[in-house]
Amino acid sequence: MYQPSFQDPKILKIINNECYRPLFKVLLDHENSAFSLNLNANLIDMLEEYELTETLDLIRTLQSNGKIEIVGTAKFHPILPLLPLE
């Protein structure tokens, strides 16, 4: 899951309400569901900033129930091999 840091808060709320939150609710209700989730730190920051914490709570619940494995990625999607080591 990703949204650019400059995403309009109104658009983010629409995406959250129509896509993210309903998806996680469905997955929570399906007993045999399991998946991996690439969750970018930038999106976590925005969900917190714009008080869309129900989605984060659903993700936490899914993770604690063993239904998802969160796959990390670098914030802002840098090309990691091109970054200096220092």
C-alpha atoms as a PDB file:
ATOM      1  CA  MET A   1       0.000   0.000   0.000  1.00  0.00           C
ATOM      2  CA  TYR A   2       1.357   3.366  -0.945  1.00  0.00           C
ATOM      3  CA  GLN A   3       0.289   6.952  -1.320  1.00  0.00           C
ATOM      4  CA  PRO A   4       2.644   9.788  -2.213  1.00  0.00           C
ATOM      5  CA  SER A   5       3.509  12.206   0.575  1.00  0.00           C
ATOM      6  CA  PHE A   6       1.794  15.024  -1.326  1.00  0.00           C
ATOM      7  CA  GLN A   7      -1.537  13.174  -1.643  1.00  0.00           C
ATOM      8  CA  ASP A   8      -4.536  15.425  -1.061  1.00  0.00           C
ATOM      9  CA  PRO A   9      -6.090  14.496   2.314  1.00  0.00           C
ATOM     10  CA  LYS A  10      -9.567  14.392   0.754  1.00  0.00           C
ATOM     11  CA  ILE A  11      -8.390  11.875  -1.855  1.00  0.00           C
ATOM     12  CA  LEU A  12      -6.627   9.796   0.794  1.00  0.00           C
ATOM     13  CA  LYS A  13      -9.825   9.650   2.840  1.00  0.00           C
ATOM     14  CA  ILE A  14     -11.803   8.491  -0.205  1.00  0.00           C
ATOM     15  CA  ILE A  15      -9.216   5.805  -1.005  1.00  0.00           C
ATOM     16  CA  ASN A  16      -9.182   4.701   2.612  1.00  0.00           C
ATOM     17  CA  ASN A  17     -12.967   4.562   2.910  1.00  0.00           C
ATOM     18  CA  GLU A  18     -13.581   2.861  -0.444  1.00  0.00           C
ATOM     19  CA  CYS A  19     -10.553   0.565  -0.694  1.00  0.00           C
ATOM     20  CA  TYR A  20      -8.276   0.057   2.296  1.00  0.00           C
ATOM     21  CA  ARG A  21     -10.720  -0.187   5.186  1.00  0.00           C
ATOM     22  CA  PRO A  22     -13.323  -2.359   3.378  1.00  0.00           C
ATOM     23  CA  LEU A  23     -10.597  -4.730   2.181  1.00  0.00           C
ATOM     24  CA  PHE A  24      -9.228  -5.256   5.680  1.00  0.00           C
ATOM     25  CA  LYS A  25     -12.710  -5.753   7.112  1.00  0.00           C
ATOM     26  CA  VAL A  26     -13.428  -8.482   4.548  1.00  0.00           C
ATOM     27  CA  LEU A  27     -10.101 -10.185   5.251  1.00  0.00           C
ATOM     28  CA  LEU A  28     -10.761 -10.063   8.977  1.00  0.00           C
ATOM     29  CA  ASP A  29     -14.091 -11.827   8.457  1.00  0.00           C
ATOM     30  CA  HIS A  30     -12.663 -14.609   6.272  1.00  0.00           C
ATOM     31  CA  GLU A  31     -11.319 -17.340   8.493  1.00  0.00           C
ATOM     32  CA  ASN A  32      -8.785 -18.803   6.054  1.00  0.00           C
ATOM     33  CA  SER A  33      -7.415 -15.570   4.613  1.00  0.00           C
ATOM     34  CA  ALA A  34      -3.684 -14.906   4.799  1.00  0.00           C
ATOM     35  CA  PHE A  35      -1.524 -12.519   2.805  1.00  0.00           C
ATOM     36  CA  SER A  36       1.565 -10.346   2.811  1.00  0.00           C
ATOM     37  CA  LEU A  37       1.242  -6.572   2.877  1.00  0.00           C
ATOM     38  CA  ASN A  38       3.787  -4.064   1.667  1.00  0.00           C
ATOM     39  CA  LEU A  39       2.957  -1.110   3.874  1.00  0.00           C
ATOM     40  CA  ASN A  40       4.993   2.017   3.264  1.00  0.00           C
ATOM     41  CA  ALA A  41       5.937   4.134   6.287  1.00  0.00           C
ATOM     42  CA  ASN A  42       4.795   7.259   4.487  1.00  0.00           C
ATOM     43  CA  LEU A  43       1.246   5.903   4.299  1.00  0.00           C
ATOM     44  CA  ILE A  44       1.316   4.970   7.988  1.00  0.00           C
ATOM     45  CA  ASP A  45       2.303   8.553   8.797  1.00  0.00           C
ATOM     46  CA  MET A  46      -0.534   9.962   6.692  1.00  0.00           C
ATOM     47  CA  LEU A  47      -3.153   7.601   8.127  1.00  0.00           C
ATOM     48  CA  GLU A  48      -2.145   8.774  11.600  1.00  0.00           C
ATOM     49  CA  GLU A  49      -1.945  12.446  10.625  1.00  0.00           C
ATOM     50  CA  TYR A  50      -5.424  12.464   9.075  1.00  0.00           C
ATOM     51  CA  GLU A  51      -6.923  10.387  11.908  1.00  0.00           C
ATOM     52  CA  LEU A  52      -7.681   7.332   9.762  1.00  0.00           C
ATOM     53  CA  THR A  53      -6.599   5.106  12.598  1.00  0.00           C
ATOM     54  CA  GLU A  54      -9.377   2.535  12.194  1.00  0.00           C
ATOM     55  CA  THR A  55      -7.468   1.229   9.176  1.00  0.00           C
ATOM     56  CA  LEU A  56      -4.279   0.963  11.210  1.00  0.00           C
ATOM     57  CA  ASP A  57      -6.204  -0.818  13.968  1.00  0.00           C
ATOM     58  CA  LEU A  58      -7.546  -3.323  11.423  1.00  0.00           C
ATOM     59  CA  ILE A  59      -4.000  -3.947  10.166  1.00  0.00           C
ATOM     60  CA  ARG A  60      -2.761  -4.476  13.733  1.00  0.00           C
ATOM     61  CA  THR A  61      -5.598  -6.907  14.418  1.00  0.00           C
ATOM     62  CA  LEU A  62      -4.923  -8.843  11.222  1.00  0.00           C
ATOM     63  CA  GLN A  63      -1.231  -9.024  12.093  1.00  0.00           C
ATOM     64  CA  SER A  64      -1.845 -10.149  15.667  1.00  0.00           C
ATOM     65  CA  ASN A  65      -4.249 -12.824  14.373  1.00  0.00           C
ATOM     66  CA  GLY A  66      -1.533 -14.131  12.052  1.00  0.00           C
ATOM     67  CA  LYS A  67      -3.518 -13.224   8.945  1.00  0.00           C
ATOM     68  CA  ILE A  68      -0.942 -10.871   7.453  1.00  0.00           C
ATOM     69  CA  GLU A  69       2.794 -10.588   7.223  1.00  0.00           C
ATOM     70  CA  ILE A  70       3.986  -7.032   6.796  1.00  0.00           C
ATOM     71  CA  VAL A  71       6.762  -6.618   4.258  1.00  0.00           C
ATOM     72  CA  GLY A  72       8.886  -3.545   4.770  1.00  0.00           C
ATOM     73  CA  THR A  73      10.064  -1.090   2.191  1.00  0.00           C
ATOM     74  CA  ALA A  74      12.179   2.028   2.397  1.00  0.00           C
ATOM     75  CA  LYS A  75      10.295   5.238   3.050  1.00  0.00           C
ATOM     76  CA  PHE A  76       9.743   7.307  -0.115  1.00  0.00           C
ATOM     77  CA  HIS A  77      10.887   4.371  -2.331  1.00  0.00           C
ATOM     78  CA  PRO A  78      14.565   5.272  -2.813  1.00  0.00           C
ATOM     79  CA  ILE A  79      16.668   3.089  -5.073  1.00  0.00           C
ATOM     80  CA  LEU A  80      18.601   1.523  -2.210  1.00  0.00           C
ATOM     81  CA  PRO A  81      21.671   0.292  -4.134  1.00  0.00           C
ATOM     82  CA  LEU A  82      22.267   3.860  -5.306  1.00  0.00           C
ATOM     83  CA  LEU A  83      22.315   5.371  -1.819  1.00  0.00           C
ATOM     84  CA  PRO A  84      25.687   6.003  -0.192  1.00  0.00           C
ATOM     85  CA  LEU A  85      26.557   3.631   2.644  1.00  0.00           C
ATOM     86  CA  GLU A  86      27.180   6.540   5.025  1.00  0.00           C
END
